């Protein structure tokens, strides 16, 4: 058992080199996670902008439809005159 432990830790490693390598690994992981979060945030903002543009387009089309329906209603009400009853 001691031979396998000696084989695993055969080099002259000091506690400082282990601490430095641990700090480097943690900082690399931290910066990698920051990069992933920034990319995801950019994608989320892009999708939100696309959704806002789509909702804006839908609202403008709804506004056009309601305007056309109002004009149609006014034409139907103003275009039909009531027939006057003529008594002869």
Foldseek 3Di string as FASTA:
>chain_A
DVVVVCVVVVDPDDPVVVVVVVVVVVVVVVVVVVVVVVVVVVVVVVVVVVVVVVVVVVVVVVVVVVVVVVVVVVCVVVVDDDDDDDDD
